[in-house]
Amino acid sequence: MLLFRRSPPKKAVADVFVALTHARPYKQTWPVEEIARQSRKQFDPQVTQAFLTLLHDGLS
């Protein structure tokens, strides 16, 4: 079955950002750099770079 070979949805990077950067009762926050480390492993590198660029430009 090819369902698992499809790339993750584009919003996956944003979902992971929210999950990693917000504290939960069961985990601490993770640095934003973790998203960059997961590029190519879990996310489309172009989408990841675009997200990080938008995030950086929006925070500065």
N, C-alpha and C. Protein backbone atom coordinates (compact mmCIF):
# COMPACT_ATOMS: atom_id res chain seq x y z
N MET A 1 0.84 -1.17 0.00
CA MET A 1 0.00 0.00 0.00
C MET A 1 0.89 1.24 0.00
N LEU A 2 0.60 2.22 -0.81
CA LEU A 2 1.44 3.39 -0.97
C LEU A 2 1.08 4.55 -0.04
N LEU A 3 0.13 4.38 0.84
CA LEU A 3 -0.28 5.48 1.70
C LEU A 3 0.87 6.02 2.55
N PHE A 4 1.77 5.17 2.98
CA PHE A 4 2.85 5.60 3.85
C PHE A 4 4.02 6.20 3.08
N ARG A 5 4.03 6.10 1.78
CA ARG A 5 5.11 6.66 0.98
C ARG A 5 4.84 8.11 0.59
N ARG A 6 3.67 8.57 0.80
CA ARG A 6 3.33 9.95 0.45
C ARG A 6 4.03 10.89 1.43
N SER A 7 4.39 12.06 0.95
CA SER A 7 5.03 13.04 1.83
C SER A 7 4.00 13.60 2.81
N PRO A 8 4.48 14.02 3.99
CA PRO A 8 3.55 14.58 4.97
C PRO A 8 2.91 15.86 4.46
N PRO A 9 1.75 16.20 4.97
CA PRO A 9 1.09 17.44 4.54
C PRO A 9 1.98 18.64 4.83
N LYS A 10 1.81 19.69 4.05
CA LYS A 10 2.62 20.91 4.21
C LYS A 10 2.44 21.52 5.60
N LYS A 11 1.28 21.39 6.18
CA LYS A 11 1.05 21.98 7.50
C LYS A 11 1.75 21.20 8.60
N ALA A 12 2.35 20.06 8.29
CA ALA A 12 3.00 19.25 9.31
C ALA A 12 4.12 20.02 10.01
N VAL A 13 4.87 20.83 9.29
CA VAL A 13 5.95 21.60 9.90
C VAL A 13 5.38 22.56 10.94
N ALA A 14 4.31 23.24 10.61
CA ALA A 14 3.69 24.17 11.55
C ALA A 14 3.11 23.43 12.75
N ASP A 15 2.52 22.29 12.53
CA ASP A 15 1.98 21.50 13.64
C ASP A 15 3.09 21.07 14.59
N VAL A 16 4.20 20.63 14.04
CA VAL A 16 5.34 20.21 14.87
C VAL A 16 5.90 21.41 15.62
N PHE A 17 5.98 22.56 14.95
CA PHE A 17 6.47 23.77 15.62
C PHE A 17 5.64 24.06 16.87
N VAL A 18 4.34 24.03 16.73
CA VAL A 18 3.46 24.30 17.88
C VAL A 18 3.66 23.24 18.96
N ALA A 19 3.74 22.00 18.57
CA ALA A 19 3.90 20.92 19.56
C ALA A 19 5.24 21.01 20.29
N LEU A 20 6.29 21.36 19.58
CA LEU A 20 7.62 21.40 20.21
C LEU A 20 7.84 22.64 21.06
N THR A 21 7.27 23.75 20.67
CA THR A 21 7.59 25.00 21.35
C THR A 21 6.61 25.39 22.45
N HIS A 22 5.61 24.58 22.69
CA HIS A 22 4.67 24.84 23.78
C HIS A 22 4.80 23.75 24.83
N ALA A 23 4.99 24.17 26.05
CA ALA A 23 5.15 23.21 27.15
C ALA A 23 3.85 22.44 27.37
N ARG A 24 4.02 21.22 27.71
CA ARG A 24 2.90 20.36 28.07
C ARG A 24 3.19 19.79 29.47
N PRO A 25 2.18 19.33 30.16
CA PRO A 25 2.44 18.76 31.50
C PRO A 25 3.41 17.58 31.47
N TYR A 26 3.51 16.92 30.34
CA TYR A 26 4.33 15.72 30.23
C TYR A 26 5.65 15.93 29.48
N LYS A 27 5.95 17.17 29.04
CA LYS A 27 7.22 17.41 28.34
C LYS A 27 7.61 18.87 28.40
N GLN A 28 8.91 19.11 28.27
CA GLN A 28 9.42 20.47 28.20
C GLN A 28 9.41 20.92 26.74
N THR A 29 9.63 22.22 26.55
CA THR A 29 9.71 22.73 25.18
C THR A 29 11.03 22.33 24.54
N TRP A 30 11.04 22.26 23.22
CA TRP A 30 12.24 21.96 22.45
C TRP A 30 12.63 23.19 21.67
N PRO A 31 13.90 23.32 21.31
CA PRO A 31 14.32 24.48 20.53
C PRO A 31 13.79 24.42 19.09
N VAL A 32 13.62 25.58 18.50
CA VAL A 32 13.15 25.66 17.12
C VAL A 32 14.11 24.95 16.18
N GLU A 33 15.38 24.94 16.53
CA GLU A 33 16.40 24.28 15.69
C GLU A 33 16.10 22.80 15.46
N GLU A 34 15.29 22.21 16.31
CA GLU A 34 14.94 20.79 16.12
C GLU A 34 14.18 20.59 14.81
N ILE A 35 13.39 21.57 14.42
CA ILE A 35 12.67 21.47 13.15
C ILE A 35 13.67 21.43 12.00
N ALA A 36 14.69 22.28 12.07
CA ALA A 36 15.72 22.28 11.02
C ALA A 36 16.46 20.95 10.99
N ARG A 37 16.71 20.37 12.15
CA ARG A 37 17.40 19.07 12.20
C ARG A 37 16.55 17.95 11.58
N GLN A 38 15.26 18.10 11.64
CA GLN A 38 14.38 17.06 11.10
C GLN A 38 14.09 17.23 9.61
N SER A 39 14.57 18.33 9.03
CA SER A 39 14.41 18.53 7.60
C SER A 39 15.07 17.38 6.86
N ARG A 40 14.46 16.92 5.82
CA ARG A 40 14.86 15.77 5.01
C ARG A 40 14.52 14.45 5.68
N LYS A 41 14.46 14.40 6.99
CA LYS A 41 14.09 13.16 7.68
C LYS A 41 12.58 13.01 7.73
N GLN A 42 11.92 14.10 8.17
CA GLN A 42 10.48 14.04 8.35
C GLN A 42 9.72 15.06 7.52
N PHE A 43 10.41 16.08 7.04
CA PHE A 43 9.73 17.17 6.33
C PHE A 43 10.39 17.45 4.99
N ASP A 44 9.61 17.99 4.10
CA ASP A 44 10.14 18.46 2.82
C ASP A 44 11.12 19.60 3.11
N PRO A 45 12.36 19.51 2.64
CA PRO A 45 13.36 20.54 2.95
C PRO A 45 12.98 21.93 2.47
N GLN A 46 12.33 22.05 1.34
CA GLN A 46 11.92 23.36 0.84
C GLN A 46 10.83 23.97 1.71
N VAL A 47 9.89 23.15 2.13
CA VAL A 47 8.82 23.63 3.01
C VAL A 47 9.40 24.04 4.36
N THR A 48 10.32 23.23 4.86
CA THR A 48 10.96 23.54 6.14
C THR A 48 11.71 24.86 6.06
N GLN A 49 12.49 25.05 5.01
CA GLN A 49 13.25 26.29 4.86
C GLN A 49 12.32 27.49 4.74
N ALA A 50 11.26 27.36 3.98
CA ALA A 50 10.30 28.46 3.84
C ALA A 50 9.66 28.79 5.19
N PHE A 51 9.28 27.77 5.94
CA PHE A 51 8.68 27.99 7.26
C PHE A 51 9.65 28.69 8.19
N LEU A 52 10.89 28.23 8.25
CA LEU A 52 11.87 28.83 9.13
C LEU A 52 12.19 30.26 8.73
N THR A 53 12.21 30.53 7.43
CA THR A 53 12.44 31.89 6.95
C THR A 53 11.30 32.81 7.38
N LEU A 54 10.08 32.35 7.19
CA LEU A 54 8.91 33.14 7.61
C LEU A 54 8.91 33.34 9.13
N LEU A 55 9.26 32.32 9.84
CA LEU A 55 9.31 32.42 11.30
C LEU A 55 10.36 33.43 11.72
N HIS A 56 11.54 33.35 11.14
CA HIS A 56 12.62 34.28 11.47
C HIS A 56 12.25 35.71 11.11
N ASP A 57 11.72 35.91 9.93
CA ASP A 57 11.34 37.26 9.48
C ASP A 57 10.23 37.84 10.34
N GLY A 58 9.35 36.98 10.79
CA GLY A 58 8.24 37.45 11.63
C GLY A 58 8.67 37.77 13.05
N LEU A 59 9.73 37.14 13.53
CA LEU A 59 10.18 37.37 14.89
C LEU A 59 11.18 38.52 15.01
N SER A 60 11.75 38.92 13.89
CA SER A 60 12.77 39.98 13.98
C SER A 60 12.21 41.35 13.69
